[in-house]
Amino acid sequence: MVEITCVVDAGAELGEGTLWDSKAGVLWWIDIWKKLIHRYDPATGRDEVFETPEYLGCLGLREKGGLVLTMTDGFHFFDPATGKFEAIVDPEAHMPKTRFNDGKPDRQGRFWSGSMFEAPGQLEFIGALYRLDPDLSVHKMIDGIGCSNGLAWSLDSKTMYFSDSHAGAVWAYDFDPATGDIENRRTFIDMTTTGGVADGATVDAEGCYWVTIPVTSKVCRYDPTGRLMQTVVLPTDLPTCCEFGGKDLDILYVTSAVLRRPASHFVGQKHPGGLFALDVGVKGLTLPAFKG
């Protein structure tokens, strides 16, 4: 049995962006639609929030201190001590119908974030996945995306996992750790068999891929061949992102979302929009900070 605890009953509209800071012993996460960055300290139970000027995408630690992140208008630095945001680059300044979404640093200290199309009742595959290098140059790596999600890397950093939530699959790419280049896309998980779509993801210390599957209440673990190994069912229906944390990296933190739905939708559910801590019996990995 997997022990599941709601550690922050935040009622997040769209919780996402889990990021463990091993030095500080805190978990960073975001509520995209409330424009909030959260910093949860498991030692004290305190969940501190920082307001942002725009919808958020994802977070990374920065080697020089603070955070690197994406918002609606591209890549930024953020200093929690001062509350100051510093714009880096907006590669989609000419695209008013997109915003940035899922991403994280790779193990070589680059920062990745993908964009998504966001307009009610519409869908266009005009988003992309970008790589921000330590010299602050930005590179478009994949285009034709509806909603970027599911980014993670294998233990040896030779495989990158990535999903377009609207395309029905998690893909694997050959990844060059030295250059950050990718090639040879193939299907890793056929998401049409799960009843949902791929959202945020991570890789554990055994090389298995964990992915949240909104609408289904599920967080699933797949081995490196794409075989389903484990399914955890949360007490609410919209898990959104996951990352390992804790002193020993043995806690899987999972965000969830209310998604502007009425209270009547959640009858029988517990802690919708909450931050959950799962004891899943395996440990995770620490992602290095962005070197820029």
Protein backbone atom coordinates (compact mmCIF):
# COMPACT_ATOMS: atom_id res chain seq x y z
CA MET A 1 0.00 0.00 0.00
CA VAL A 2 1.23 3.47 -0.89
CA GLU A 3 0.88 6.05 1.87
CA ILE A 4 -0.65 9.27 0.50
CA THR A 5 -0.72 12.47 2.57
CA CYS A 6 -2.01 15.89 1.61
CA VAL A 7 0.71 18.18 2.98
CA VAL A 8 -0.70 21.49 1.66
CA ASP A 9 -4.47 21.73 1.18
CA ALA A 10 -3.99 24.67 -1.18
CA GLY A 11 -7.03 24.32 -3.44
CA ALA A 12 -4.72 25.19 -6.34
CA GLU A 13 -6.45 26.14 -9.56
CA LEU A 14 -3.63 24.57 -11.55
CA GLY A 15 -0.83 23.20 -9.40
CA GLU A 16 2.33 22.30 -11.35
CA GLY A 17 6.11 22.71 -11.51
CA THR A 18 7.38 20.54 -8.64
CA LEU A 19 11.08 21.21 -7.93
CA TRP A 20 13.07 19.94 -4.93
CA ASP A 21 15.85 22.12 -3.50
CA SER A 22 18.20 19.70 -1.72
CA LYS A 23 20.36 22.41 -0.14
CA ALA A 24 17.46 24.30 1.40
CA GLY A 25 15.33 21.20 2.03
CA VAL A 26 12.24 22.76 0.45
CA LEU A 27 9.90 21.98 -2.42
CA TRP A 28 9.14 24.70 -4.94
CA TRP A 29 5.88 24.40 -6.86
CA ILE A 30 3.47 26.71 -8.66
CA ASP A 31 -0.20 27.52 -9.16
CA ILE A 32 -0.27 28.63 -12.78
CA TRP A 33 -3.70 30.27 -12.86
CA LYS A 34 -3.41 31.96 -9.46
CA LYS A 35 0.01 33.35 -10.51
CA LEU A 36 1.72 32.01 -7.39
CA ILE A 37 5.09 30.42 -6.66
CA HIS A 38 4.98 28.19 -3.57
CA ARG A 39 7.88 27.18 -1.32
CA TYR A 40 6.93 24.28 0.96
CA ASP A 41 9.15 23.37 3.91
CA PRO A 42 8.37 19.82 5.09
CA ALA A 43 10.35 20.37 8.31
CA THR A 44 7.95 23.10 9.48
CA GLY A 45 4.90 22.51 7.31
CA ARG A 46 5.05 26.13 6.17
CA ASP A 47 4.01 26.90 2.59
CA GLU A 48 5.19 30.38 1.59
CA VAL A 49 3.85 32.04 -1.57
CA PHE A 50 5.24 34.63 -3.99
CA GLU A 51 3.01 36.51 -6.44
CA THR A 52 3.96 36.68 -10.11
CA PRO A 53 2.86 39.12 -12.82
CA GLU A 54 1.82 36.44 -15.33
CA TYR A 55 0.77 32.83 -15.66
CA LEU A 56 3.69 30.54 -14.82
CA GLY A 57 5.16 27.64 -16.77
CA CYS A 58 7.88 25.88 -14.76
CA LEU A 59 10.83 26.41 -12.41
CA GLY A 60 14.50 25.58 -12.06
CA LEU A 61 17.10 26.38 -9.44
CA ARG A 62 19.83 28.77 -10.55
CA GLU A 63 23.49 28.12 -9.73
CA LYS A 64 24.02 31.82 -9.02
CA GLY A 65 21.07 31.88 -6.62
CA GLY A 66 17.33 32.23 -6.98
CA LEU A 67 15.29 30.63 -9.71
CA VAL A 68 15.04 30.48 -13.48
CA LEU A 69 11.48 30.14 -14.72
CA THR A 70 9.09 30.61 -17.57
CA MET A 71 5.94 32.70 -17.60
CA THR A 72 3.55 33.61 -20.38
CA ASP A 73 6.14 35.85 -22.02
CA GLY A 74 9.16 33.60 -21.90
CA PHE A 75 12.22 32.97 -19.74
CA HIS A 76 12.98 34.94 -16.56
CA PHE A 77 15.15 34.96 -13.47
CA PHE A 78 13.48 35.38 -10.08
CA ASP A 79 15.06 36.41 -6.77
CA PRO A 80 12.81 35.27 -3.88
CA ALA A 81 14.70 37.51 -1.45
CA THR A 82 13.73 40.69 -3.30
CA GLY A 83 10.72 39.53 -5.31
CA LYS A 84 12.43 40.85 -8.46
CA PHE A 85 11.88 39.30 -11.88
CA GLU A 86 14.43 39.75 -14.67
CA ALA A 87 13.42 38.99 -18.25
CA ILE A 88 15.84 36.87 -20.29
CA VAL A 89 14.20 36.15 -23.64
CA ASP A 90 10.73 35.60 -25.11
CA PRO A 91 11.05 33.36 -28.17
CA GLU A 92 7.30 33.53 -28.81
CA ALA A 93 6.74 37.26 -28.43
CA HIS A 94 5.06 37.22 -31.84
CA MET A 95 2.58 34.49 -30.79
CA PRO A 96 -0.26 35.87 -28.60
CA LYS A 97 -2.11 32.55 -28.42
CA THR A 98 0.65 30.60 -26.64
CA ARG A 99 2.09 30.52 -23.15
CA PHE A 100 4.94 28.57 -21.61
CA ASN A 101 4.21 25.37 -19.70
CA ASP A 102 6.13 22.31 -18.46
CA GLY A 103 9.91 22.09 -18.20
CA LYS A 104 12.96 21.65 -15.96
CA PRO A 105 16.78 21.66 -16.00
CA ASP A 106 18.69 18.78 -17.56
CA ARG A 107 21.60 17.17 -15.69
CA GLN A 108 24.13 19.26 -17.59
CA GLY A 109 22.71 22.54 -16.28
CA ARG A 110 20.61 23.70 -19.24
CA PHE A 111 17.01 24.80 -18.69
CA TRP A 112 14.18 23.50 -20.88
CA SER A 113 10.59 24.70 -21.20
CA GLY A 114 7.88 24.08 -23.75
CA SER A 115 4.94 26.20 -24.81
CA MET A 116 1.29 25.42 -25.44
CA PHE A 117 -1.67 26.83 -27.32
CA GLU A 118 -4.22 28.29 -24.91
CA ALA A 119 -7.52 29.62 -26.23
CA PRO A 120 -10.96 28.41 -25.05
CA GLY A 121 -12.59 25.89 -27.35
CA GLN A 122 -9.70 25.89 -29.82
CA LEU A 123 -6.60 23.84 -30.52
CA GLU A 124 -3.66 24.67 -32.73
CA PHE A 125 -0.36 22.81 -32.79
CA ILE A 126 1.82 25.92 -32.78
CA GLY A 127 3.76 25.47 -29.52
CA ALA A 128 7.38 24.33 -29.21
CA LEU A 129 10.03 23.01 -26.85
CA TYR A 130 12.99 25.31 -26.13
CA ARG A 131 16.42 24.87 -24.57
CA LEU A 132 18.01 27.77 -22.68
CA ASP A 133 21.78 27.36 -22.51
CA PRO A 134 24.04 28.80 -19.77
CA ASP A 135 25.13 31.58 -22.14
CA LEU A 136 21.40 32.56 -22.25
CA SER A 137 21.03 31.62 -25.90
CA VAL A 138 17.69 29.95 -26.65
CA HIS A 139 17.16 27.12 -29.11
CA LYS A 140 13.91 25.74 -30.54
CA MET A 141 14.22 21.96 -30.30
CA ILE A 142 10.73 20.68 -31.26
CA ASP A 143 7.85 22.50 -32.94
CA GLY A 144 4.24 21.75 -33.88
CA ILE A 145 3.20 21.17 -30.25
CA GLY A 146 -0.27 21.60 -28.75
CA CYS A 147 0.72 21.34 -25.05
CA SER A 148 4.29 20.62 -23.87
CA ASN A 149 4.52 18.16 -20.98
CA GLY A 150 6.18 15.07 -19.55
CA LEU A 151 9.81 16.24 -19.78
CA ALA A 152 12.46 14.02 -18.12
CA TRP A 153 15.77 12.27 -18.80
CA SER A 154 17.04 8.73 -18.38
CA LEU A 155 19.68 7.88 -15.77
CA ASP A 156 22.52 8.04 -18.29
CA SER A 157 21.12 11.22 -19.92
CA LYS A 158 21.11 9.47 -23.28
CA THR A 159 17.32 9.48 -23.59
CA MET A 160 14.95 12.43 -23.26
CA TYR A 161 11.23 11.90 -22.63
CA PHE A 162 8.69 14.45 -23.81
CA SER A 163 4.97 14.60 -24.49
CA ASP A 164 2.45 16.69 -26.31
CA SER A 165 -0.63 16.19 -24.14
CA HIS A 166 -2.84 16.54 -27.21
CA ALA A 167 -0.95 13.97 -29.29
CA GLY A 168 -1.72 10.85 -27.23
CA ALA A 169 1.85 9.71 -26.60
CA VAL A 170 5.00 10.15 -24.55
CA TRP A 171 7.98 10.13 -26.91
CA ALA A 172 11.59 9.13 -26.34
CA TYR A 173 14.46 10.88 -28.14
CA ASP A 174 18.15 10.12 -28.35
CA PHE A 175 19.80 12.85 -26.26
CA ASP A 176 23.40 14.08 -26.52
CA PRO A 177 24.44 15.18 -23.01
CA ALA A 178 27.41 17.16 -24.35
CA THR A 179 25.47 19.32 -26.81
CA GLY A 180 21.82 19.04 -25.73
CA ASP A 181 20.85 17.91 -29.22
CA ILE A 182 18.01 15.42 -29.78
CA GLU A 183 17.05 13.05 -32.60
CA ASN A 184 15.28 9.78 -33.41
CA ARG A 185 11.81 10.33 -31.95
CA ARG A 186 9.83 7.18 -31.17
CA THR A 187 6.78 6.32 -29.08
CA PHE A 188 7.64 5.46 -25.47
CA ILE A 189 4.09 5.25 -24.02
CA ASP A 190 0.84 5.11 -25.95
CA MET A 191 -1.34 7.28 -23.72
CA THR A 192 -4.56 6.24 -25.47
CA THR A 193 -4.42 3.07 -23.36
CA THR A 194 -4.55 5.02 -20.07
CA GLY A 195 -7.80 6.93 -20.48
CA GLY A 196 -5.98 10.22 -19.97
CA VAL A 197 -3.08 12.38 -21.14
CA ALA A 198 0.49 12.80 -19.99
CA ASP A 199 1.21 15.74 -17.70
CA GLY A 200 4.24 16.38 -15.47
CA ALA A 201 6.81 13.61 -15.07
CA THR A 202 10.11 12.56 -13.49
CA VAL A 203 12.57 9.66 -13.46
CA ASP A 204 13.48 7.72 -10.30
CA ALA A 205 16.85 6.34 -9.17
CA GLU A 206 16.05 2.99 -10.83
CA GLY A 207 15.52 4.65 -14.20
CA CYS A 208 11.74 4.36 -14.24
CA TYR A 209 9.49 7.12 -15.56
CA TRP A 210 6.71 8.51 -13.36
CA VAL A 211 3.94 10.51 -15.03
CA THR A 212 0.77 12.17 -13.75
CA ILE A 213 -2.39 11.43 -15.73
CA PRO A 214 -5.09 14.09 -15.18
CA VAL A 215 -8.79 13.15 -15.08
CA THR A 216 -7.91 9.56 -14.12
CA SER A 217 -6.56 10.34 -10.58
CA LYS A 218 -3.49 8.26 -11.52
CA VAL A 219 0.24 8.58 -11.16
CA CYS A 220 1.93 5.80 -13.14
CA ARG A 221 5.42 4.30 -13.17
CA TYR A 222 6.89 2.84 -16.38
CA ASP A 223 10.17 0.99 -16.82
CA PRO A 224 12.69 2.15 -19.48
CA THR A 225 11.00 -0.05 -22.09
CA GLY A 226 7.63 1.66 -21.52
CA ARG A 227 6.10 -1.22 -19.54
CA LEU A 228 3.64 -0.19 -16.81
CA MET A 229 5.09 -1.12 -13.40
CA GLN A 230 2.89 0.64 -10.84
CA THR A 231 -0.25 2.76 -10.59
CA VAL A 232 -1.05 5.03 -7.65
CA VAL A 233 -4.57 6.47 -7.36
CA LEU A 234 -4.94 9.85 -5.65
CA PRO A 235 -8.09 10.90 -3.73
CA THR A 236 -8.74 13.65 -6.29
CA ASP A 237 -9.07 13.44 -10.06
CA LEU A 238 -6.47 15.87 -11.46
CA PRO A 239 -2.85 15.08 -10.54
CA THR A 240 -0.64 17.38 -12.60
CA CYS A 241 3.08 17.13 -11.82
CA CYS A 242 5.46 15.03 -9.74
CA GLU A 243 9.02 15.13 -8.39
CA PHE A 244 10.96 13.32 -5.69
CA GLY A 245 12.07 15.20 -2.60
CA GLY A 246 12.75 14.90 1.09
CA LYS A 247 16.09 14.47 2.86
CA ASP A 248 16.58 11.04 1.28
CA LEU A 249 14.71 11.81 -1.96
CA ASP A 250 12.21 9.11 -1.02
CA ILE A 251 9.01 11.16 -1.13
CA LEU A 252 7.16 11.67 -4.42
CA TYR A 253 5.47 15.07 -4.29
CA VAL A 254 2.44 15.44 -6.55
CA THR A 255 0.49 18.61 -7.34
CA SER A 256 -3.17 18.65 -8.37
CA ALA A 257 -5.73 21.07 -9.79
CA VAL A 258 -9.24 22.37 -9.22
CA LEU A 259 -9.26 23.79 -12.76
CA ARG A 260 -12.04 26.33 -12.11
CA ARG A 261 -14.62 23.59 -11.71
CA PRO A 262 -17.56 23.94 -9.28
CA ALA A 263 -17.50 22.45 -5.79
CA SER A 264 -20.23 20.00 -6.84
CA HIS A 265 -17.71 18.28 -9.11
CA PHE A 266 -15.60 17.23 -6.12
CA VAL A 267 -18.20 15.36 -4.10
CA GLY A 268 -16.47 12.23 -2.81
CA GLN A 269 -12.99 13.57 -3.53
CA LYS A 270 -10.46 14.71 -0.94
CA HIS A 271 -8.17 17.75 -1.08
CA PRO A 272 -8.65 18.80 -4.73
CA GLY A 273 -5.88 21.21 -5.69
CA GLY A 274 -3.72 19.93 -2.85
CA LEU A 275 -0.03 19.10 -2.72
CA PHE A 276 0.41 15.40 -1.91
CA ALA A 277 3.36 13.43 -0.51
CA LEU A 278 3.56 9.78 -1.59
CA ASP A 279 5.69 7.01 -0.10
CA VAL A 280 6.15 4.87 -3.22
CA GLY A 281 9.08 2.74 -2.05
CA VAL A 282 11.76 4.11 -4.39
CA LYS A 283 14.05 7.14 -4.39
CA GLY A 284 14.48 9.91 -6.91
CA LEU A 285 17.29 12.02 -8.28
CA THR A 286 18.40 15.61 -7.74
CA LEU A 287 18.38 17.84 -10.82
CA PRO A 288 21.32 20.25 -10.93
CA ALA A 289 20.82 23.98 -11.03
CA PHE A 290 20.79 26.02 -14.23
CA LYS A 291 24.37 27.15 -14.88
CA GLY A 292 23.44 30.50 -16.43
